[in-house]
Amino acid sequence: MNQPTRQRMTHQARRQQLINVAWNLVRAQGSDALTLGRVAEAAGVSKPVVYDLLVSAADAISHAVVCGDISQQQGLAELQALILALVERHQ
């Protein structure tokens, strides 16, 4: 049986996909759920792909603000929640 060949996404298209996936995770589950591993799983890619294209969870939130997907105030609130969650995880 022949399976359809998969076409590779461009660097920019893949990055945008990962940003969208990350932001959807934040919307659905809050910033505590935003880890690069979860983004990789939800996007159906490996962690190294996420690490190469999306430096951090903060990058996804920052990009959403710059693109106008969320307000600056909402972005700051999400970043603050992300920082607090990281601090709590490492205590």
C-alpha atoms as a PDB file:
ATOM      1  CA  MET A   1       0.000   0.000   0.000  1.00  0.00           C
ATOM      2  CA  ASN A   2       1.300   3.371  -0.940  1.00  0.00           C
ATOM      3  CA  GLN A   3       1.046   6.039   1.675  1.00  0.00           C
ATOM      4  CA  PRO A   4       0.878   9.640   0.546  1.00  0.00           C
ATOM      5  CA  THR A   5       4.209  11.393   0.802  1.00  0.00           C
ATOM      6  CA  ARG A   6       4.413  14.034   3.458  1.00  0.00           C
ATOM      7  CA  GLN A   7       5.592  17.433   2.424  1.00  0.00           C
ATOM      8  CA  ARG A   8       7.987  19.279   4.702  1.00  0.00           C
ATOM      9  CA  MET A   9       6.853  22.591   6.087  1.00  0.00           C
ATOM     10  CA  THR A  10       9.035  25.623   5.584  1.00  0.00           C
ATOM     11  CA  HIS A  11      10.943  26.918   8.588  1.00  0.00           C
ATOM     12  CA  GLN A  12       8.566  29.877   8.951  1.00  0.00           C
ATOM     13  CA  ALA A  13       5.427  27.758   8.487  1.00  0.00           C
ATOM     14  CA  ARG A  14       6.586  25.226  11.091  1.00  0.00           C
ATOM     15  CA  ARG A  15       7.482  28.019  13.551  1.00  0.00           C
ATOM     16  CA  GLN A  16       4.054  29.588  13.067  1.00  0.00           C
ATOM     17  CA  GLN A  17       2.417  26.187  13.610  1.00  0.00           C
ATOM     18  CA  LEU A  18       4.312  25.721  16.874  1.00  0.00           C
ATOM     19  CA  ILE A  19       3.399  29.216  18.049  1.00  0.00           C
ATOM     20  CA  ASN A  20      -0.262  28.532  17.284  1.00  0.00           C
ATOM     21  CA  VAL A  21      -0.126  25.199  19.095  1.00  0.00           C
ATOM     22  CA  ALA A  22       1.572  26.828  22.084  1.00  0.00           C
ATOM     23  CA  TRP A  23      -0.964  29.595  22.255  1.00  0.00           C
ATOM     24  CA  ASN A  24      -3.851  27.125  21.980  1.00  0.00           C
ATOM     25  CA  LEU A  25      -2.387  25.215  24.945  1.00  0.00           C
ATOM     26  CA  VAL A  26      -2.249  28.438  26.969  1.00  0.00           C
ATOM     27  CA  ARG A  27      -5.830  29.323  26.080  1.00  0.00           C
ATOM     28  CA  ALA A  28      -7.130  25.854  26.852  1.00  0.00           C
ATOM     29  CA  GLN A  29      -5.093  24.954  29.938  1.00  0.00           C
ATOM     30  CA  GLY A  30      -3.341  28.107  31.125  1.00  0.00           C
ATOM     31  CA  SER A  31       0.330  28.973  31.103  1.00  0.00           C
ATOM     32  CA  ASP A  32       1.159  26.176  33.568  1.00  0.00           C
ATOM     33  CA  ALA A  33       0.514  23.707  30.744  1.00  0.00           C
ATOM     34  CA  LEU A  34       2.931  25.419  28.388  1.00  0.00           C
ATOM     35  CA  THR A  35       6.038  23.304  28.124  1.00  0.00           C
ATOM     36  CA  LEU A  36       8.070  22.682  25.015  1.00  0.00           C
ATOM     37  CA  GLY A  37       7.415  18.958  25.420  1.00  0.00           C
ATOM     38  CA  ARG A  38       3.664  19.483  25.356  1.00  0.00           C
ATOM     39  CA  VAL A  39       3.969  21.765  22.337  1.00  0.00           C
ATOM     40  CA  ALA A  40       5.952  19.061  20.543  1.00  0.00           C
ATOM     41  CA  GLU A  41       3.392  16.396  21.410  1.00  0.00           C
ATOM     42  CA  ALA A  42       0.420  18.531  20.355  1.00  0.00           C
ATOM     43  CA  ALA A  43       2.123  19.493  17.082  1.00  0.00           C
ATOM     44  CA  GLY A  44       3.169  15.929  16.328  1.00  0.00           C
ATOM     45  CA  VAL A  45       6.871  16.749  16.143  1.00  0.00           C
ATOM     46  CA  SER A  46       9.914  15.860  18.200  1.00  0.00           C
ATOM     47  CA  LYS A  47      11.235  18.049  21.013  1.00  0.00           C
ATOM     48  CA  PRO A  48      14.360  19.006  19.050  1.00  0.00           C
ATOM     49  CA  VAL A  49      12.162  20.526  16.342  1.00  0.00           C
ATOM     50  CA  VAL A  50      10.464  22.695  18.960  1.00  0.00           C
ATOM     51  CA  TYR A  51      13.782  23.619  20.575  1.00  0.00           C
ATOM     52  CA  ASP A  52      15.203  24.633  17.184  1.00  0.00           C
ATOM     53  CA  LEU A  53      12.245  26.777  16.155  1.00  0.00           C
ATOM     54  CA  LEU A  54      10.712  28.032  19.368  1.00  0.00           C
ATOM     55  CA  VAL A  55      13.278  29.090  21.914  1.00  0.00           C
ATOM     56  CA  SER A  56      10.932  29.132  24.861  1.00  0.00           C
ATOM     57  CA  ALA A  57       7.373  29.305  26.026  1.00  0.00           C
ATOM     58  CA  ALA A  58       7.942  33.010  26.593  1.00  0.00           C
ATOM     59  CA  ASP A  59       8.844  33.313  22.904  1.00  0.00           C
ATOM     60  CA  ALA A  60       5.409  31.999  21.952  1.00  0.00           C
ATOM     61  CA  ILE A  61       3.646  34.448  24.255  1.00  0.00           C
ATOM     62  CA  SER A  62       5.807  37.343  23.083  1.00  0.00           C
ATOM     63  CA  HIS A  63       5.132  36.471  19.458  1.00  0.00           C
ATOM     64  CA  ALA A  64       1.386  36.420  20.108  1.00  0.00           C
ATOM     65  CA  VAL A  65       1.620  39.959  21.515  1.00  0.00           C
ATOM     66  CA  VAL A  66       3.735  41.254  18.621  1.00  0.00           C
ATOM     67  CA  CYS A  67       1.380  39.752  16.036  1.00  0.00           C
ATOM     68  CA  GLY A  68      -1.631  41.246  17.779  1.00  0.00           C
ATOM     69  CA  ASP A  69      -3.165  37.902  18.676  1.00  0.00           C
ATOM     70  CA  ILE A  70      -3.369  39.003  22.305  1.00  0.00           C
ATOM     71  CA  SER A  71      -3.134  42.331  24.067  1.00  0.00           C
ATOM     72  CA  GLN A  72       0.050  43.513  25.690  1.00  0.00           C
ATOM     73  CA  GLN A  73      -1.674  43.371  29.078  1.00  0.00           C
ATOM     74  CA  GLN A  74      -2.786  39.774  28.516  1.00  0.00           C
ATOM     75  CA  GLY A  75       0.701  38.837  27.317  1.00  0.00           C
ATOM     76  CA  LEU A  76       2.277  40.309  30.428  1.00  0.00           C
ATOM     77  CA  ALA A  77      -0.191  38.448  32.624  1.00  0.00           C
ATOM     78  CA  GLU A  78       0.617  35.176  30.844  1.00  0.00           C
ATOM     79  CA  LEU A  79       4.367  35.789  31.155  1.00  0.00           C
ATOM     80  CA  GLN A  80       3.966  36.552  34.858  1.00  0.00           C
ATOM     81  CA  ALA A  81       1.977  33.351  35.367  1.00  0.00           C
ATOM     82  CA  LEU A  82       4.603  31.392  33.447  1.00  0.00           C
ATOM     83  CA  ILE A  83       7.411  32.796  35.596  1.00  0.00           C
ATOM     84  CA  LEU A  84       5.520  32.044  38.802  1.00  0.00           C
ATOM     85  CA  ALA A  85       4.849  28.483  37.641  1.00  0.00           C
ATOM     86  CA  LEU A  86       8.529  27.969  36.837  1.00  0.00           C
ATOM     87  CA  VAL A  87       9.556  29.300  40.247  1.00  0.00           C
ATOM     88  CA  GLU A  88       7.081  26.987  41.989  1.00  0.00           C
ATOM     89  CA  ARG A  89       8.316  23.955  40.029  1.00  0.00           C
ATOM     90  CA  HIS A  90      11.899  24.567  41.124  1.00  0.00           C
ATOM     91  CA  GLN A  91      11.270  25.162  44.828  1.00  0.00           C
END
